[in-house]
Amino acid sequence: MCKIACVSRAAYYKWLQRSHSVQELENEAILQEIQACYRQVEGIYGYRRITLTINRKRQEQKRPTVNLKRIYRLMNLSGLKSVIRRKRKRYVSSPVHHVAENLLDRKFTAAQSNEKWVTDVSLMPKPPRICNSLDYRLILHYSKSNS
């Protein structure tokens, strides 16, 4: 195994007998806190919110806070990821209150005068009122009102 890893046997056995550093011990303690918080919120929180909750608890206990990047790195090493929730729709559909009857049925020609009158209010935020007579194809009335 040492030949495959290109490491001498002495270095391997020295590595086995080594004592853990202070930073490794801190990382293990922080990882325990991360996993407890992650289980408590059922995996919803990401590294930012976990950092906030862990740092709040540490401030209450008068312990030093933990950097965001350290929490991010430890969560990646342990494979903890947040659940991405689906976005909700921003509108509420309501039933149609009043729909006018289609009396013209796309028959825009008139046999007599004053038989069919139409108005167009499309594509205008506060529409002016336009009345057309279909037999003469003229604009008979144009008014711009605030209501």
C-alpha atoms as a PDB file:
ATOM      1  CA  MET A   1       0.000   0.000   0.000  1.00  0.00           C
ATOM      2  CA  CYS A   2       2.882   2.388   0.758  1.00  0.00           C
ATOM      3  CA  LYS A   3       4.358   1.756  -2.707  1.00  0.00           C
ATOM      4  CA  ILE A   4       1.053   2.657  -4.396  1.00  0.00           C
ATOM      5  CA  ALA A   5       0.789   5.913  -2.423  1.00  0.00           C
ATOM      6  CA  CYS A   6       4.524   6.639  -2.926  1.00  0.00           C
ATOM      7  CA  VAL A   7       5.006   7.048   0.850  1.00  0.00           C
ATOM      8  CA  SER A   8       7.703   5.452   2.959  1.00  0.00           C
ATOM      9  CA  ARG A   9       6.649   2.987   5.641  1.00  0.00           C
ATOM     10  CA  ALA A  10       8.155   5.141   8.375  1.00  0.00           C
ATOM     11  CA  ALA A  11       6.111   8.171   7.283  1.00  0.00           C
ATOM     12  CA  TYR A  12       2.943   6.082   7.186  1.00  0.00           C
ATOM     13  CA  TYR A  13       3.404   4.744  10.713  1.00  0.00           C
ATOM     14  CA  LYS A  14       4.333   8.190  11.984  1.00  0.00           C
ATOM     15  CA  TRP A  15       1.111   9.498  10.470  1.00  0.00           C
ATOM     16  CA  LEU A  16      -0.852   6.728  12.227  1.00  0.00           C
ATOM     17  CA  GLN A  17       0.620   7.616  15.636  1.00  0.00           C
ATOM     18  CA  ARG A  18       0.216  11.375  15.289  1.00  0.00           C
ATOM     19  CA  SER A  19      -1.938  13.366  17.699  1.00  0.00           C
ATOM     20  CA  HIS A  20      -4.734  15.544  16.318  1.00  0.00           C
ATOM     21  CA  SER A  21      -4.032  19.252  16.086  1.00  0.00           C
ATOM     22  CA  VAL A  22      -6.062  21.892  17.922  1.00  0.00           C
ATOM     23  CA  GLN A  23      -7.689  23.035  14.681  1.00  0.00           C
ATOM     24  CA  GLU A  24      -8.756  19.479  13.787  1.00  0.00           C
ATOM     25  CA  LEU A  25     -10.345  19.072  17.201  1.00  0.00           C
ATOM     26  CA  GLU A  26     -12.174  22.412  16.796  1.00  0.00           C
ATOM     27  CA  ASN A  27     -13.364  21.372  13.345  1.00  0.00           C
ATOM     28  CA  GLU A  28     -14.797  18.148  14.765  1.00  0.00           C
ATOM     29  CA  ALA A  29     -16.614  20.064  17.514  1.00  0.00           C
ATOM     30  CA  ILE A  30     -17.979  22.582  14.999  1.00  0.00           C
ATOM     31  CA  LEU A  31     -19.055  19.752  12.702  1.00  0.00           C
ATOM     32  CA  GLN A  32     -21.001  18.217  15.593  1.00  0.00           C
ATOM     33  CA  GLU A  33     -22.826  21.557  16.049  1.00  0.00           C
ATOM     34  CA  ILE A  34     -23.492  21.807  12.303  1.00  0.00           C
ATOM     35  CA  GLN A  35     -24.947  18.301  12.141  1.00  0.00           C
ATOM     36  CA  ALA A  36     -27.141  18.924  15.193  1.00  0.00           C
ATOM     37  CA  CYS A  37     -28.493  22.159  13.668  1.00  0.00           C
ATOM     38  CA  TYR A  38     -28.947  20.449  10.283  1.00  0.00           C
ATOM     39  CA  ARG A  39     -30.983  17.631  11.851  1.00  0.00           C
ATOM     40  CA  GLN A  40     -33.015  20.081  13.941  1.00  0.00           C
ATOM     41  CA  VAL A  41     -34.204  22.032  10.881  1.00  0.00           C
ATOM     42  CA  GLU A  42     -34.541  18.860   8.771  1.00  0.00           C
ATOM     43  CA  GLY A  43     -31.975  19.950   6.181  1.00  0.00           C
ATOM     44  CA  ILE A  44     -33.699  23.160   5.126  1.00  0.00           C
ATOM     45  CA  TYR A  45     -30.941  25.563   6.165  1.00  0.00           C
ATOM     46  CA  GLY A  46     -27.925  26.221   3.983  1.00  0.00           C
ATOM     47  CA  TYR A  47     -24.488  27.260   5.193  1.00  0.00           C
ATOM     48  CA  ARG A  48     -25.460  30.919   5.656  1.00  0.00           C
ATOM     49  CA  ARG A  49     -28.364  30.287   8.015  1.00  0.00           C
ATOM     50  CA  ILE A  50     -26.513  27.532   9.841  1.00  0.00           C
ATOM     51  CA  THR A  51     -23.654  29.984  10.403  1.00  0.00           C
ATOM     52  CA  LEU A  52     -26.108  32.525  11.825  1.00  0.00           C
ATOM     53  CA  THR A  53     -27.713  30.043  14.227  1.00  0.00           C
ATOM     54  CA  ILE A  54     -24.409  28.547  15.385  1.00  0.00           C
ATOM     55  CA  ASN A  55     -22.875  31.997  15.933  1.00  0.00           C
ATOM     56  CA  ARG A  56     -25.938  33.129  17.918  1.00  0.00           C
ATOM     57  CA  LYS A  57     -25.626  30.111  20.200  1.00  0.00           C
ATOM     58  CA  ARG A  58     -21.880  30.676  20.574  1.00  0.00           C
ATOM     59  CA  GLN A  59     -22.393  34.351  21.473  1.00  0.00           C
ATOM     60  CA  GLU A  60     -24.908  33.370  24.143  1.00  0.00           C
ATOM     61  CA  GLN A  61     -22.320  30.969  25.577  1.00  0.00           C
ATOM     62  CA  LYS A  62     -19.593  33.648  25.260  1.00  0.00           C
ATOM     63  CA  ARG A  63     -17.568  31.515  22.837  1.00  0.00           C
ATOM     64  CA  PRO A  64     -15.832  32.837  19.703  1.00  0.00           C
ATOM     65  CA  THR A  65     -17.873  32.889  16.480  1.00  0.00           C
ATOM     66  CA  VAL A  66     -17.102  30.770  13.433  1.00  0.00           C
ATOM     67  CA  ASN A  67     -16.316  32.095   9.970  1.00  0.00           C
ATOM     68  CA  LEU A  68     -18.806  31.517   7.152  1.00  0.00           C
ATOM     69  CA  LYS A  69     -16.171  29.947   4.896  1.00  0.00           C
ATOM     70  CA  ARG A  70     -15.208  27.438   7.568  1.00  0.00           C
ATOM     71  CA  ILE A  71     -18.821  26.286   7.961  1.00  0.00           C
ATOM     72  CA  TYR A  72     -19.135  26.088   4.165  1.00  0.00           C
ATOM     73  CA  ARG A  73     -15.986  23.952   3.914  1.00  0.00           C
ATOM     74  CA  LEU A  74     -17.040  21.613   6.739  1.00  0.00           C
ATOM     75  CA  MET A  75     -20.525  21.180   5.283  1.00  0.00           C
ATOM     76  CA  ASN A  76     -19.029  20.326   1.882  1.00  0.00           C
ATOM     77  CA  LEU A  77     -16.655  17.795   3.426  1.00  0.00           C
ATOM     78  CA  SER A  78     -19.484  16.080   5.283  1.00  0.00           C
ATOM     79  CA  GLY A  79     -21.874  16.244   2.294  1.00  0.00           C
ATOM     80  CA  LEU A  80     -24.564  18.402   3.927  1.00  0.00           C
ATOM     81  CA  LYS A  81     -26.610  20.488   1.483  1.00  0.00           C
ATOM     82  CA  SER A  82     -29.753  22.520   1.915  1.00  0.00           C
ATOM     83  CA  VAL A  83     -33.089  21.586   0.425  1.00  0.00           C
ATOM     84  CA  ILE A  84     -34.024  23.944  -2.394  1.00  0.00           C
ATOM     85  CA  ARG A  85     -37.668  24.809  -2.050  1.00  0.00           C
ATOM     86  CA  ARG A  86     -39.930  25.419  -5.024  1.00  0.00           C
ATOM     87  CA  LYS A  87     -41.040  29.006  -5.580  1.00  0.00           C
ATOM     88  CA  ARG A  88     -44.693  29.757  -4.994  1.00  0.00           C
ATOM     89  CA  LYS A  89     -47.024  31.417  -7.466  1.00  0.00           C
ATOM     90  CA  ARG A  90     -47.468  35.120  -6.821  1.00  0.00           C
ATOM     91  CA  TYR A  91     -51.044  35.420  -8.029  1.00  0.00           C
ATOM     92  CA  VAL A  92     -54.364  34.052  -6.931  1.00  0.00           C
ATOM     93  CA  SER A  93     -56.733  33.171  -9.704  1.00  0.00           C
ATOM     94  CA  SER A  94     -60.246  34.415  -9.203  1.00  0.00           C
ATOM     95  CA  PRO A  95     -63.442  33.454 -10.959  1.00  0.00           C
ATOM     96  CA  VAL A  96     -64.678  35.649 -13.793  1.00  0.00           C
ATOM     97  CA  HIS A  97     -67.289  38.055 -12.458  1.00  0.00           C
ATOM     98  CA  HIS A  98     -68.858  39.365 -15.651  1.00  0.00           C
ATOM     99  CA  VAL A  99     -68.270  38.474 -19.282  1.00  0.00           C
ATOM    100  CA  ALA A 100     -70.152  40.404 -21.928  1.00  0.00           C
ATOM    101  CA  GLU A 101     -71.887  38.533 -24.705  1.00  0.00           C
ATOM    102  CA  ASN A 102     -70.291  38.446 -28.139  1.00  0.00           C
ATOM    103  CA  LEU A 103     -73.060  40.093 -30.117  1.00  0.00           C
ATOM    104  CA  LEU A 104     -71.032  40.928 -33.249  1.00  0.00           C
ATOM    105  CA  ASP A 105     -69.483  37.460 -33.620  1.00  0.00           C
ATOM    106  CA  ARG A 106     -66.715  39.011 -35.801  1.00  0.00           C
ATOM    107  CA  LYS A 107     -69.240  40.371 -38.320  1.00  0.00           C
ATOM    108  CA  PHE A 108     -67.944  43.908 -38.582  1.00  0.00           C
ATOM    109  CA  THR A 109     -70.015  45.079 -41.546  1.00  0.00           C
ATOM    110  CA  ALA A 110     -73.326  46.857 -41.025  1.00  0.00           C
ATOM    111  CA  ALA A 111     -76.234  46.957 -43.480  1.00  0.00           C
ATOM    112  CA  GLN A 112     -77.822  50.114 -42.047  1.00  0.00           C
ATOM    113  CA  SER A 113     -76.482  53.161 -40.292  1.00  0.00           C
ATOM    114  CA  ASN A 114     -76.459  53.156 -36.484  1.00  0.00           C
ATOM    115  CA  GLU A 115     -76.888  49.396 -36.493  1.00  0.00           C
ATOM    116  CA  LYS A 116     -73.529  48.482 -34.884  1.00  0.00           C
ATOM    117  CA  TRP A 117     -71.385  50.677 -32.626  1.00  0.00           C
ATOM    118  CA  VAL A 118     -68.026  49.587 -31.250  1.00  0.00           C
ATOM    119  CA  THR A 119     -65.290  51.001 -29.067  1.00  0.00           C
ATOM    120  CA  ASP A 120     -61.610  50.067 -28.758  1.00  0.00           C
ATOM    121  CA  VAL A 121     -59.805  50.364 -25.460  1.00  0.00           C
ATOM    122  CA  SER A 122     -56.957  47.935 -26.028  1.00  0.00           C
ATOM    123  CA  LEU A 123     -53.256  48.707 -25.442  1.00  0.00           C
ATOM    124  CA  MET A 124     -53.864  51.898 -23.493  1.00  0.00           C
ATOM    125  CA  PRO A 125     -53.237  52.212 -19.739  1.00  0.00           C
ATOM    126  CA  LYS A 126     -55.981  54.852 -19.280  1.00  0.00           C
ATOM    127  CA  PRO A 127     -57.863  54.507 -22.530  1.00  0.00           C
ATOM    128  CA  PRO A 128     -59.519  57.345 -24.359  1.00  0.00           C
ATOM    129  CA  ARG A 129     -63.020  56.481 -25.448  1.00  0.00           C
ATOM    130  CA  ILE A 130     -63.329  55.937 -29.181  1.00  0.00           C
ATOM    131  CA  CYS A 131     -66.676  55.161 -30.740  1.00  0.00           C
ATOM    132  CA  ASN A 132     -66.883  53.951 -34.332  1.00  0.00           C
ATOM    133  CA  SER A 133     -69.838  53.488 -36.550  1.00  0.00           C
ATOM    134  CA  LEU A 134     -69.281  50.327 -38.592  1.00  0.00           C
ATOM    135  CA  ASP A 135     -71.394  51.373 -41.540  1.00  0.00           C
ATOM    136  CA  TYR A 136     -69.349  54.547 -42.316  1.00  0.00           C
ATOM    137  CA  ARG A 137     -66.013  53.382 -40.820  1.00  0.00           C
ATOM    138  CA  LEU A 138     -65.529  56.765 -39.151  1.00  0.00           C
ATOM    139  CA  ILE A 139     -64.517  57.834 -35.690  1.00  0.00           C
ATOM    140  CA  LEU A 140     -67.669  59.486 -34.421  1.00  0.00           C
ATOM    141  CA  HIS A 141     -66.560  60.364 -30.894  1.00  0.00           C
ATOM    142  CA  TYR A 142     -63.178  60.638 -29.179  1.00  0.00           C
ATOM    143  CA  SER A 143     -62.892  61.604 -25.539  1.00  0.00           C
ATOM    144  CA  LYS A 144     -60.046  61.406 -23.075  1.00  0.00           C
ATOM    145  CA  SER A 145     -61.166  61.176 -19.477  1.00  0.00           C
ATOM    146  CA  ASN A 146     -59.420  60.457 -16.169  1.00  0.00           C
ATOM    147  CA  SER A 147     -61.860  57.758 -15.138  1.00  0.00           C
END
